[in-house]
Amino acid sequence: MSETDSEPEEAITKGEITNTAVPASSAPGPAPKPRNAFSELMKPKPKPPPPQPQTSRSHPRLFGTRDGLGAYIADPAHSPRVIYHTPSFVAIHDLYPKSTVHTLLLPRSPTHSLQHPFDAFDDPAFLAAVRAEAATLKRTVAKELQRLLGPSSAQDAAREAVLDGRVPPPQASGGLPAGRDWEAEVKVGVHAHPSMSHLHVHVMSRDMHSASMRHRKHYNSFNTPFFVGLEDFPLAAADPRRHPGVEGYLGRELVCWRCRRGFRNRFKELKEHLEVEFEAWKRE
């Protein structure tokens, strides 16, 4: 089986599944420029010194293949991919980001973490908790987008001018102009057929601009009903998204997320087109 082989209705490749548990020495994307609270939060944590040998075997650290995300749930303090963690959730950088900022929210609930999201989100209390934490991570992702792309955005021009000291803050408010609504550029949801065992919620910018976006199924997994928005839960029993294999979402013809132009099965052409769209999108 080649590196790209995986189940027909899985959104990532065999190699991506195998390597998910391997910590990255640095997170994908541009390096932060000025030090600020959001860049410090989003940047990878420094690697800790090697742990001392332990005699206790009560807390295993071995997670492989489809269980790879379990390592971050079990021991979030020792991975450079972790953005933040709480007793109930871990937020990490996706190892293979499919957009400018792509994060994962991992619930730590033993009752729900190994359930399919369609089943886990039938629990109203759990769904409410995930929505609340996803909203927090969404704000963080939006701030990181603003930090990375705000200097190029026309809607952020007045805000950037104040930040750069070129103009004083508005007298009426005394603070920064609001600028672009970057939260509107972030989407939150799950895959109808997750490739990894542990429940994970994607919180990501919608631009699909990344070197890791290398296959049609990568793209379609976030731009067809295969990607189920968190706001859509709980799903009705008859919702067709419960049967992604029958619907064939990953094999659908390619359509640009921004202008809706169709590319049939021409992934290379879509990638070239997305470069143009990214430049236009970030300058809005």
C-alpha atoms as a PDB file:
ATOM      1  CA  MET A   1       0.000   0.000   0.000  1.00  0.00           C
ATOM      2  CA  SER A   2       1.469   3.376  -0.990  1.00  0.00           C
ATOM      3  CA  GLU A   3       1.746   6.438   1.231  1.00  0.00           C
ATOM      4  CA  THR A   4      -1.353   7.934  -0.344  1.00  0.00           C
ATOM      5  CA  ASP A   5      -3.468   4.818   0.170  1.00  0.00           C
ATOM      6  CA  SER A   6      -6.215   4.993   2.771  1.00  0.00           C
ATOM      7  CA  GLU A   7      -9.839   4.049   3.053  1.00  0.00           C
ATOM      8  CA  PRO A   8     -11.990   5.520   0.233  1.00  0.00           C
ATOM      9  CA  GLU A   9     -13.926   7.822   2.568  1.00  0.00           C
ATOM     10  CA  GLU A  10     -10.961   9.076   4.614  1.00  0.00           C
ATOM     11  CA  ALA A  11      -9.770  12.628   4.263  1.00  0.00           C
ATOM     12  CA  ILE A  12      -6.060  12.051   4.927  1.00  0.00           C
ATOM     13  CA  THR A  13      -3.450   9.700   3.536  1.00  0.00           C
ATOM     14  CA  LYS A  14      -1.888   6.623   5.106  1.00  0.00           C
ATOM     15  CA  GLY A  15       1.332   8.553   5.744  1.00  0.00           C
ATOM     16  CA  GLU A  16      -0.524  11.357   7.490  1.00  0.00           C
ATOM     17  CA  ILE A  17      -2.339   8.864   9.708  1.00  0.00           C
ATOM     18  CA  THR A  18       0.935   7.146  10.621  1.00  0.00           C
ATOM     19  CA  ASN A  19       2.796  10.361  11.421  1.00  0.00           C
ATOM     20  CA  THR A  20       0.100  12.268  13.292  1.00  0.00           C
ATOM     21  CA  ALA A  21       1.560  11.433  16.699  1.00  0.00           C
ATOM     22  CA  VAL A  22       5.056  12.634  15.770  1.00  0.00           C
ATOM     23  CA  PRO A  23       5.650  16.081  17.321  1.00  0.00           C
ATOM     24  CA  ALA A  24       6.745  18.807  14.930  1.00  0.00           C
ATOM     25  CA  SER A  25       9.767  20.858  15.912  1.00  0.00           C
ATOM     26  CA  SER A  26       7.929  23.941  14.758  1.00  0.00           C
ATOM     27  CA  ALA A  27       4.409  24.753  13.686  1.00  0.00           C
ATOM     28  CA  PRO A  28       3.631  25.360  10.020  1.00  0.00           C
ATOM     29  CA  GLY A  29       3.181  28.873   8.744  1.00  0.00           C
ATOM     30  CA  PRO A  30       5.094  32.146   8.865  1.00  0.00           C
ATOM     31  CA  ALA A  31       7.247  32.868  11.894  1.00  0.00           C
ATOM     32  CA  PRO A  32       5.863  35.516  14.250  1.00  0.00           C
ATOM     33  CA  LYS A  33       7.317  38.977  13.936  1.00  0.00           C
ATOM     34  CA  PRO A  34       6.582  41.130  17.002  1.00  0.00           C
ATOM     35  CA  ARG A  35       6.123  39.435  20.353  1.00  0.00           C
ATOM     36  CA  ASN A  36       2.569  39.713  21.590  1.00  0.00           C
ATOM     37  CA  ALA A  37       0.122  37.669  23.608  1.00  0.00           C
ATOM     38  CA  PHE A  38      -1.483  35.958  20.645  1.00  0.00           C
ATOM     39  CA  SER A  39       1.731  35.106  18.810  1.00  0.00           C
ATOM     40  CA  GLU A  40       3.203  33.739  22.037  1.00  0.00           C
ATOM     41  CA  LEU A  41       0.107  31.583  22.503  1.00  0.00           C
ATOM     42  CA  MET A  42       0.033  30.288  18.935  1.00  0.00           C
ATOM     43  CA  LYS A  43       3.729  29.628  18.433  1.00  0.00           C
ATOM     44  CA  PRO A  44       5.130  26.143  19.180  1.00  0.00           C
ATOM     45  CA  LYS A  45       6.321  25.511  22.679  1.00  0.00           C
ATOM     46  CA  PRO A  46      10.067  24.809  23.131  1.00  0.00           C
ATOM     47  CA  LYS A  47      10.945  21.159  23.382  1.00  0.00           C
ATOM     48  CA  PRO A  48      11.320  20.071  27.023  1.00  0.00           C
ATOM     49  CA  PRO A  49      14.429  18.217  28.213  1.00  0.00           C
ATOM     50  CA  PRO A  50      14.286  14.430  27.826  1.00  0.00           C
ATOM     51  CA  PRO A  51      12.225  12.890  30.626  1.00  0.00           C
ATOM     52  CA  GLN A  52      13.974  10.862  33.290  1.00  0.00           C
ATOM     53  CA  PRO A  53      13.345   7.106  33.239  1.00  0.00           C
ATOM     54  CA  GLN A  54      10.274   6.134  35.212  1.00  0.00           C
ATOM     55  CA  THR A  55       9.537   2.854  36.864  1.00  0.00           C
ATOM     56  CA  SER A  56       5.771   3.328  36.891  1.00  0.00           C
ATOM     57  CA  ARG A  57       3.852   1.853  33.944  1.00  0.00           C
ATOM     58  CA  SER A  58       0.526   3.353  34.992  1.00  0.00           C
ATOM     59  CA  HIS A  59       0.581   6.125  32.357  1.00  0.00           C
ATOM     60  CA  PRO A  60       1.628   4.714  28.967  1.00  0.00           C
ATOM     61  CA  ARG A  61       2.856   7.126  26.296  1.00  0.00           C
ATOM     62  CA  LEU A  62       2.665   4.890  23.240  1.00  0.00           C
ATOM     63  CA  PHE A  63       0.055   5.934  20.700  1.00  0.00           C
ATOM     64  CA  GLY A  64       0.267   4.855  17.095  1.00  0.00           C
ATOM     65  CA  THR A  65      -1.494   5.187  13.764  1.00  0.00           C
ATOM     66  CA  ARG A  66      -5.156   6.071  14.304  1.00  0.00           C
ATOM     67  CA  ASP A  67      -4.723   6.589  18.041  1.00  0.00           C
ATOM     68  CA  GLY A  68      -2.021   9.224  17.564  1.00  0.00           C
ATOM     69  CA  LEU A  69      -4.064  12.122  18.919  1.00  0.00           C
ATOM     70  CA  GLY A  70      -4.336  10.322  22.239  1.00  0.00           C
ATOM     71  CA  ALA A  71      -0.772  11.332  23.084  1.00  0.00           C
ATOM     72  CA  TYR A  72      -1.770  15.004  23.234  1.00  0.00           C
ATOM     73  CA  ILE A  73      -4.792  14.243  25.401  1.00  0.00           C
ATOM     74  CA  ALA A  74      -2.741  12.131  27.818  1.00  0.00           C
ATOM     75  CA  ASP A  75       0.282  14.435  28.119  1.00  0.00           C
ATOM     76  CA  PRO A  76      -0.327  17.880  26.600  1.00  0.00           C
ATOM     77  CA  ALA A  77       2.419  19.602  28.575  1.00  0.00           C
ATOM     78  CA  HIS A  78       5.239  17.958  26.621  1.00  0.00           C
ATOM     79  CA  SER A  79       4.396  18.616  22.975  1.00  0.00           C
ATOM     80  CA  PRO A  80       5.431  21.625  20.881  1.00  0.00           C
ATOM     81  CA  ARG A  81       2.207  21.283  18.870  1.00  0.00           C
ATOM     82  CA  VAL A  82       0.003  22.156  21.846  1.00  0.00           C
ATOM     83  CA  ILE A  83      -1.411  25.698  21.822  1.00  0.00           C
ATOM     84  CA  TYR A  84      -3.090  25.430  25.208  1.00  0.00           C
ATOM     85  CA  HIS A  85      -4.750  22.833  27.393  1.00  0.00           C
ATOM     86  CA  THR A  86      -7.323  22.695  30.180  1.00  0.00           C
ATOM     87  CA  PRO A  87      -8.616  19.784  32.261  1.00  0.00           C
ATOM     88  CA  SER A  88     -11.326  19.262  29.618  1.00  0.00           C
ATOM     89  CA  PHE A  89      -9.694  20.161  26.281  1.00  0.00           C
ATOM     90  CA  VAL A  90      -6.413  20.317  24.375  1.00  0.00           C
ATOM     91  CA  ALA A  91      -5.879  22.661  21.416  1.00  0.00           C
ATOM     92  CA  ILE A  92      -3.097  21.781  18.968  1.00  0.00           C
ATOM     93  CA  HIS A  93      -1.706  22.812  15.604  1.00  0.00           C
ATOM     94  CA  ASP A  94      -2.693  20.370  12.868  1.00  0.00           C
ATOM     95  CA  LEU A  95       0.476  18.572  11.771  1.00  0.00           C
ATOM     96  CA  TYR A  96      -0.681  18.744   8.138  1.00  0.00           C
ATOM     97  CA  PRO A  97      -2.495  22.104   7.944  1.00  0.00           C
ATOM     98  CA  LYS A  98      -4.825  22.605   5.006  1.00  0.00           C
ATOM     99  CA  SER A  99      -5.071  26.385   5.435  1.00  0.00           C
ATOM    100  CA  THR A 100      -3.108  29.344   6.765  1.00  0.00           C
ATOM    101  CA  VAL A 101      -4.139  28.610  10.359  1.00  0.00           C
ATOM    102  CA  HIS A 102      -5.436  25.094  11.066  1.00  0.00           C
ATOM    103  CA  THR A 103      -5.935  23.878  14.616  1.00  0.00           C
ATOM    104  CA  LEU A 104      -7.621  20.920  16.291  1.00  0.00           C
ATOM    105  CA  LEU A 105      -9.669  20.912  19.475  1.00  0.00           C
ATOM    106  CA  LEU A 106      -9.417  17.609  21.351  1.00  0.00           C
ATOM    107  CA  PRO A 107     -11.975  16.885  24.089  1.00  0.00           C
ATOM    108  CA  ARG A 108     -10.481  14.958  27.003  1.00  0.00           C
ATOM    109  CA  SER A 109     -13.739  13.433  28.261  1.00  0.00           C
ATOM    110  CA  PRO A 110     -13.153   9.666  28.684  1.00  0.00           C
ATOM    111  CA  THR A 111     -16.830   9.103  27.929  1.00  0.00           C
ATOM    112  CA  HIS A 112     -16.760  10.903  24.585  1.00  0.00           C
ATOM    113  CA  SER A 113     -13.190  11.104  23.257  1.00  0.00           C
ATOM    114  CA  LEU A 114     -13.342   7.772  21.418  1.00  0.00           C
ATOM    115  CA  GLN A 115     -16.891   8.160  20.149  1.00  0.00           C
ATOM    116  CA  HIS A 116     -17.802   9.143  16.611  1.00  0.00           C
ATOM    117  CA  PRO A 117     -18.678  12.865  16.688  1.00  0.00           C
ATOM    118  CA  PHE A 118     -22.203  12.136  15.449  1.00  0.00           C
ATOM    119  CA  ASP A 119     -22.761  10.007  18.554  1.00  0.00           C
ATOM    120  CA  ALA A 120     -20.837  12.181  21.004  1.00  0.00           C
ATOM    121  CA  PHE A 121     -22.715  15.314  19.979  1.00  0.00           C
ATOM    122  CA  ASP A 122     -26.056  13.677  20.714  1.00  0.00           C
ATOM    123  CA  ASP A 123     -25.195  14.489  24.344  1.00  0.00           C
ATOM    124  CA  PRO A 124     -26.512  18.063  24.812  1.00  0.00           C
ATOM    125  CA  ALA A 125     -24.262  18.917  27.749  1.00  0.00           C
ATOM    126  CA  PHE A 126     -21.139  17.689  25.983  1.00  0.00           C
ATOM    127  CA  LEU A 127     -22.079  19.493  22.758  1.00  0.00           C
ATOM    128  CA  ALA A 128     -22.577  22.731  24.680  1.00  0.00           C
ATOM    129  CA  ALA A 129     -19.153  22.378  26.317  1.00  0.00           C
ATOM    130  CA  VAL A 130     -17.450  21.709  22.972  1.00  0.00           C
ATOM    131  CA  ARG A 131     -19.192  24.684  21.371  1.00  0.00           C
ATOM    132  CA  ALA A 132     -18.058  26.989  24.152  1.00  0.00           C
ATOM    133  CA  GLU A 133     -14.428  25.851  23.940  1.00  0.00           C
ATOM    134  CA  ALA A 134     -14.477  25.915  20.131  1.00  0.00           C
ATOM    135  CA  ALA A 135     -15.637  29.538  20.299  1.00  0.00           C
ATOM    136  CA  THR A 136     -12.611  30.336  22.459  1.00  0.00           C
ATOM    137  CA  LEU A 137     -10.232  28.651  20.027  1.00  0.00           C
ATOM    138  CA  LYS A 138     -11.978  30.327  17.091  1.00  0.00           C
ATOM    139  CA  ARG A 139     -11.234  33.735  18.599  1.00  0.00           C
ATOM    140  CA  THR A 140      -7.593  32.747  19.031  1.00  0.00           C
ATOM    141  CA  VAL A 141      -7.362  31.564  15.418  1.00  0.00           C
ATOM    142  CA  ALA A 142      -9.001  34.807  14.246  1.00  0.00           C
ATOM    143  CA  LYS A 143      -6.462  36.876  16.179  1.00  0.00           C
ATOM    144  CA  GLU A 144      -3.635  34.866  14.646  1.00  0.00           C
ATOM    145  CA  LEU A 145      -5.088  35.425  11.181  1.00  0.00           C
ATOM    146  CA  GLN A 146      -5.285  39.139  11.894  1.00  0.00           C
ATOM    147  CA  ARG A 147      -1.671  39.156  13.047  1.00  0.00           C
ATOM    148  CA  LEU A 148      -0.459  37.290   9.971  1.00  0.00           C
ATOM    149  CA  LEU A 149      -2.644  38.851   7.289  1.00  0.00           C
ATOM    150  CA  GLY A 150      -3.944  42.101   8.768  1.00  0.00           C
ATOM    151  CA  PRO A 151      -1.095  44.189   7.299  1.00  0.00           C
ATOM    152  CA  SER A 152      -2.265  43.106   3.813  1.00  0.00           C
ATOM    153  CA  SER A 153      -5.999  43.634   4.393  1.00  0.00           C
ATOM    154  CA  ALA A 154      -7.761  46.776   3.177  1.00  0.00           C
ATOM    155  CA  GLN A 155     -10.336  46.429   5.964  1.00  0.00           C
ATOM    156  CA  ASP A 156      -7.535  46.491   8.540  1.00  0.00           C
ATOM    157  CA  ALA A 157      -5.714  49.481   7.019  1.00  0.00           C
ATOM    158  CA  ALA A 158      -6.929  51.999   9.613  1.00  0.00           C
ATOM    159  CA  ARG A 159      -6.151  49.600  12.457  1.00  0.00           C
ATOM    160  CA  GLU A 160      -2.665  48.883  11.105  1.00  0.00           C
ATOM    161  CA  ALA A 161      -1.979  52.605  10.758  1.00  0.00           C
ATOM    162  CA  VAL A 162      -2.682  53.087  14.474  1.00  0.00           C
ATOM    163  CA  LEU A 163      -0.595  50.038  15.402  1.00  0.00           C
ATOM    164  CA  ASP A 164       2.318  51.350  13.346  1.00  0.00           C
ATOM    165  CA  GLY A 165       2.070  54.792  14.946  1.00  0.00           C
ATOM    166  CA  ARG A 166       1.339  56.486  11.630  1.00  0.00           C
ATOM    167  CA  VAL A 167      -1.908  57.964  12.945  1.00  0.00           C
ATOM    168  CA  PRO A 168      -3.237  58.486  16.486  1.00  0.00           C
ATOM    169  CA  PRO A 169      -6.109  56.370  17.849  1.00  0.00           C
ATOM    170  CA  PRO A 170      -9.608  57.706  17.113  1.00  0.00           C
ATOM    171  CA  GLN A 171     -10.528  60.330  19.708  1.00  0.00           C
ATOM    172  CA  ALA A 172     -14.048  58.970  20.116  1.00  0.00           C
ATOM    173  CA  SER A 173     -12.973  55.525  21.284  1.00  0.00           C
ATOM    174  CA  GLY A 174      -9.350  56.004  22.232  1.00  0.00           C
ATOM    175  CA  GLY A 175      -8.652  52.458  21.039  1.00  0.00           C
ATOM    176  CA  LEU A 176      -7.949  50.566  17.854  1.00  0.00           C
ATOM    177  CA  PRO A 177     -10.383  50.624  14.934  1.00  0.00           C
ATOM    178  CA  ALA A 178     -12.320  47.355  14.777  1.00  0.00           C
ATOM    179  CA  GLY A 179     -10.971  46.334  11.387  1.00  0.00           C
ATOM    180  CA  ARG A 180     -11.848  43.145   9.540  1.00  0.00           C
ATOM    181  CA  ASP A 181     -14.072  40.475  11.062  1.00  0.00           C
ATOM    182  CA  TRP A 182     -11.523  37.663  10.996  1.00  0.00           C
ATOM    183  CA  GLU A 183     -13.797  35.337  12.945  1.00  0.00           C
ATOM    184  CA  ALA A 184     -16.016  35.256   9.858  1.00  0.00           C
ATOM    185  CA  GLU A 185     -13.038  33.744   8.005  1.00  0.00           C
ATOM    186  CA  VAL A 186     -12.782  30.790  10.420  1.00  0.00           C
ATOM    187  CA  LYS A 187     -14.816  27.611  10.185  1.00  0.00           C
ATOM    188  CA  VAL A 188     -15.420  24.990  12.849  1.00  0.00           C
ATOM    189  CA  GLY A 189     -16.517  21.417  12.290  1.00  0.00           C
ATOM    190  CA  VAL A 190     -15.741  17.713  12.022  1.00  0.00           C
ATOM    191  CA  HIS A 191     -15.356  15.158   9.271  1.00  0.00           C
ATOM    192  CA  ALA A 192     -18.273  12.838   8.601  1.00  0.00           C
ATOM    193  CA  HIS A 193     -15.813   9.931   8.506  1.00  0.00           C
ATOM    194  CA  PRO A 194     -12.903  10.809  10.832  1.00  0.00           C
ATOM    195  CA  SER A 195      -9.553   9.212  10.025  1.00  0.00           C
ATOM    196  CA  MET A 196      -8.289   9.345  13.608  1.00  0.00           C
ATOM    197  CA  SER A 197      -9.810   7.494  16.558  1.00  0.00           C
ATOM    198  CA  HIS A 198      -9.999  10.382  19.015  1.00  0.00           C
ATOM    199  CA  LEU A 199     -12.706  12.978  18.558  1.00  0.00           C
ATOM    200  CA  HIS A 200     -11.255  16.170  17.120  1.00  0.00           C
ATOM    201  CA  VAL A 201     -12.831  19.410  15.941  1.00  0.00           C
ATOM    202  CA  HIS A 202     -11.190  21.409  13.150  1.00  0.00           C
ATOM    203  CA  VAL A 203     -10.944  25.156  13.830  1.00  0.00           C
ATOM    204  CA  MET A 204      -9.334  26.671  10.755  1.00  0.00           C
ATOM    205  CA  SER A 205      -9.206  29.560   8.334  1.00  0.00           C
ATOM    206  CA  ARG A 206     -11.193  28.913   5.189  1.00  0.00           C
ATOM    207  CA  ASP A 207      -8.568  29.843   2.589  1.00  0.00           C
ATOM    208  CA  MET A 208      -7.285  26.305   1.795  1.00  0.00           C
ATOM    209  CA  HIS A 209      -3.843  27.782   1.150  1.00  0.00           C
ATOM    210  CA  SER A 210      -1.196  25.288   2.261  1.00  0.00           C
ATOM    211  CA  ALA A 211       1.563  23.101   0.873  1.00  0.00           C
ATOM    212  CA  SER A 212       0.004  20.196   2.794  1.00  0.00           C
ATOM    213  CA  MET A 213      -3.189  20.394   0.731  1.00  0.00           C
ATOM    214  CA  ARG A 214      -1.993  17.911  -1.899  1.00  0.00           C
ATOM    215  CA  HIS A 215      -4.956  15.769  -2.970  1.00  0.00           C
ATOM    216  CA  ARG A 216      -8.514  16.153  -4.150  1.00  0.00           C
ATOM    217  CA  LYS A 217      -9.800  14.438  -1.023  1.00  0.00           C
ATOM    218  CA  HIS A 218      -7.883  16.908   1.141  1.00  0.00           C
ATOM    219  CA  TYR A 219      -9.787  19.743  -0.494  1.00  0.00           C
ATOM    220  CA  ASN A 220     -13.186  18.087  -0.698  1.00  0.00           C
ATOM    221  CA  SER A 221     -13.040  16.977   2.916  1.00  0.00           C
ATOM    222  CA  PHE A 222     -13.400  20.637   3.916  1.00  0.00           C
ATOM    223  CA  ASN A 223     -15.495  21.957   1.031  1.00  0.00           C
ATOM    224  CA  THR A 224     -18.330  19.464   0.654  1.00  0.00           C
ATOM    225  CA  PRO A 225     -20.906  18.192   3.180  1.00  0.00           C
ATOM    226  CA  PHE A 226     -18.173  15.764   4.321  1.00  0.00           C
ATOM    227  CA  PHE A 227     -17.225  18.684   6.602  1.00  0.00           C
ATOM    228  CA  VAL A 228     -20.053  19.087   9.106  1.00  0.00           C
ATOM    229  CA  GLY A 229     -20.203  22.450  10.852  1.00  0.00           C
ATOM    230  CA  LEU A 230     -20.414  22.323  14.627  1.00  0.00           C
ATOM    231  CA  GLU A 231     -23.467  24.569  14.405  1.00  0.00           C
ATOM    232  CA  ASP A 232     -25.351  21.778  12.572  1.00  0.00           C
ATOM    233  CA  PHE A 233     -25.377  19.385  15.526  1.00  0.00           C
ATOM    234  CA  PRO A 234     -27.167  17.349  16.649  1.00  0.00           C
ATOM    235  CA  LEU A 235     -27.840  15.811  13.240  1.00  0.00           C
ATOM    236  CA  ALA A 236     -31.262  14.468  12.365  1.00  0.00           C
ATOM    237  CA  ALA A 237     -31.489  10.700  12.027  1.00  0.00           C
ATOM    238  CA  ALA A 238     -32.183  11.018   8.299  1.00  0.00           C
ATOM    239  CA  ASP A 239     -29.399  13.525   7.576  1.00  0.00           C
ATOM    240  CA  PRO A 240     -27.509  12.248   4.483  1.00  0.00           C
ATOM    241  CA  ARG A 241     -24.192  13.317   6.007  1.00  0.00           C
ATOM    242  CA  ARG A 242     -24.473  10.293   8.278  1.00  0.00           C
ATOM    243  CA  HIS A 243     -23.645   8.193   5.204  1.00  0.00           C
ATOM    244  CA  PRO A 244     -20.648   9.896   3.522  1.00  0.00           C
ATOM    245  CA  GLY A 245     -19.690   6.768   1.580  1.00  0.00           C
ATOM    246  CA  VAL A 246     -23.083   6.575  -0.072  1.00  0.00           C
ATOM    247  CA  GLU A 247     -23.016  10.273  -0.923  1.00  0.00           C
ATOM    248  CA  GLY A 248     -19.453  10.131  -2.321  1.00  0.00           C
ATOM    249  CA  TYR A 249     -18.449  13.568  -1.071  1.00  0.00           C
ATOM    250  CA  LEU A 250     -14.683  13.113  -1.435  1.00  0.00           C
ATOM    251  CA  GLY A 251     -15.013  12.096  -5.074  1.00  0.00           C
ATOM    252  CA  ARG A 252     -17.086  15.094  -6.103  1.00  0.00           C
ATOM    253  CA  GLU A 253     -15.876  17.527  -8.736  1.00  0.00           C
ATOM    254  CA  LEU A 254     -13.688  20.319  -7.424  1.00  0.00           C
ATOM    255  CA  VAL A 255     -15.258  23.744  -6.880  1.00  0.00           C
ATOM    256  CA  CYS A 256     -13.440  26.871  -5.680  1.00  0.00           C
ATOM    257  CA  TRP A 257     -14.617  27.776  -2.187  1.00  0.00           C
ATOM    258  CA  ARG A 258     -14.518  31.510  -2.967  1.00  0.00           C
ATOM    259  CA  CYS A 259     -15.742  32.100  -6.525  1.00  0.00           C
ATOM    260  CA  ARG A 260     -17.516  28.740  -7.049  1.00  0.00           C
ATOM    261  CA  ARG A 261     -15.709  28.088 -10.323  1.00  0.00           C
ATOM    262  CA  GLY A 262     -15.686  24.397 -11.199  1.00  0.00           C
ATOM    263  CA  PHE A 263     -12.507  22.449 -11.975  1.00  0.00           C
ATOM    264  CA  ARG A 264     -13.963  18.969 -12.419  1.00  0.00           C
ATOM    265  CA  ASN A 265     -11.073  16.655 -11.426  1.00  0.00           C
ATOM    266  CA  ARG A 266      -8.223  19.037 -12.318  1.00  0.00           C
ATOM    267  CA  PHE A 267      -6.605  19.417  -8.919  1.00  0.00           C
ATOM    268  CA  LYS A 268      -3.415  21.054 -10.211  1.00  0.00           C
ATOM    269  CA  GLU A 269      -5.449  23.784 -11.886  1.00  0.00           C
ATOM    270  CA  LEU A 270      -7.447  24.301  -8.717  1.00  0.00           C
ATOM    271  CA  LYS A 271      -4.239  24.688  -6.694  1.00  0.00           C
ATOM    272  CA  GLU A 272      -2.964  27.335  -9.104  1.00  0.00           C
ATOM    273  CA  HIS A 273      -6.309  29.108  -8.931  1.00  0.00           C
ATOM    274  CA  LEU A 274      -6.287  29.026  -5.129  1.00  0.00           C
ATOM    275  CA  GLU A 275      -2.989  30.915  -5.114  1.00  0.00           C
ATOM    276  CA  VAL A 276      -4.693  33.769  -6.970  1.00  0.00           C
ATOM    277  CA  GLU A 277      -7.751  33.597  -4.737  1.00  0.00           C
ATOM    278  CA  PHE A 278      -5.613  33.659  -1.603  1.00  0.00           C
ATOM    279  CA  GLU A 279      -3.910  36.880  -2.633  1.00  0.00           C
ATOM    280  CA  ALA A 280      -7.275  38.517  -3.363  1.00  0.00           C
ATOM    281  CA  TRP A 281      -8.886  37.165  -0.189  1.00  0.00           C
ATOM    282  CA  LYS A 282      -6.172  38.351   2.186  1.00  0.00           C
ATOM    283  CA  ARG A 283      -6.315  41.851   0.664  1.00  0.00           C
ATOM    284  CA  GLU A 284     -10.059  42.295   1.188  1.00  0.00           C
END
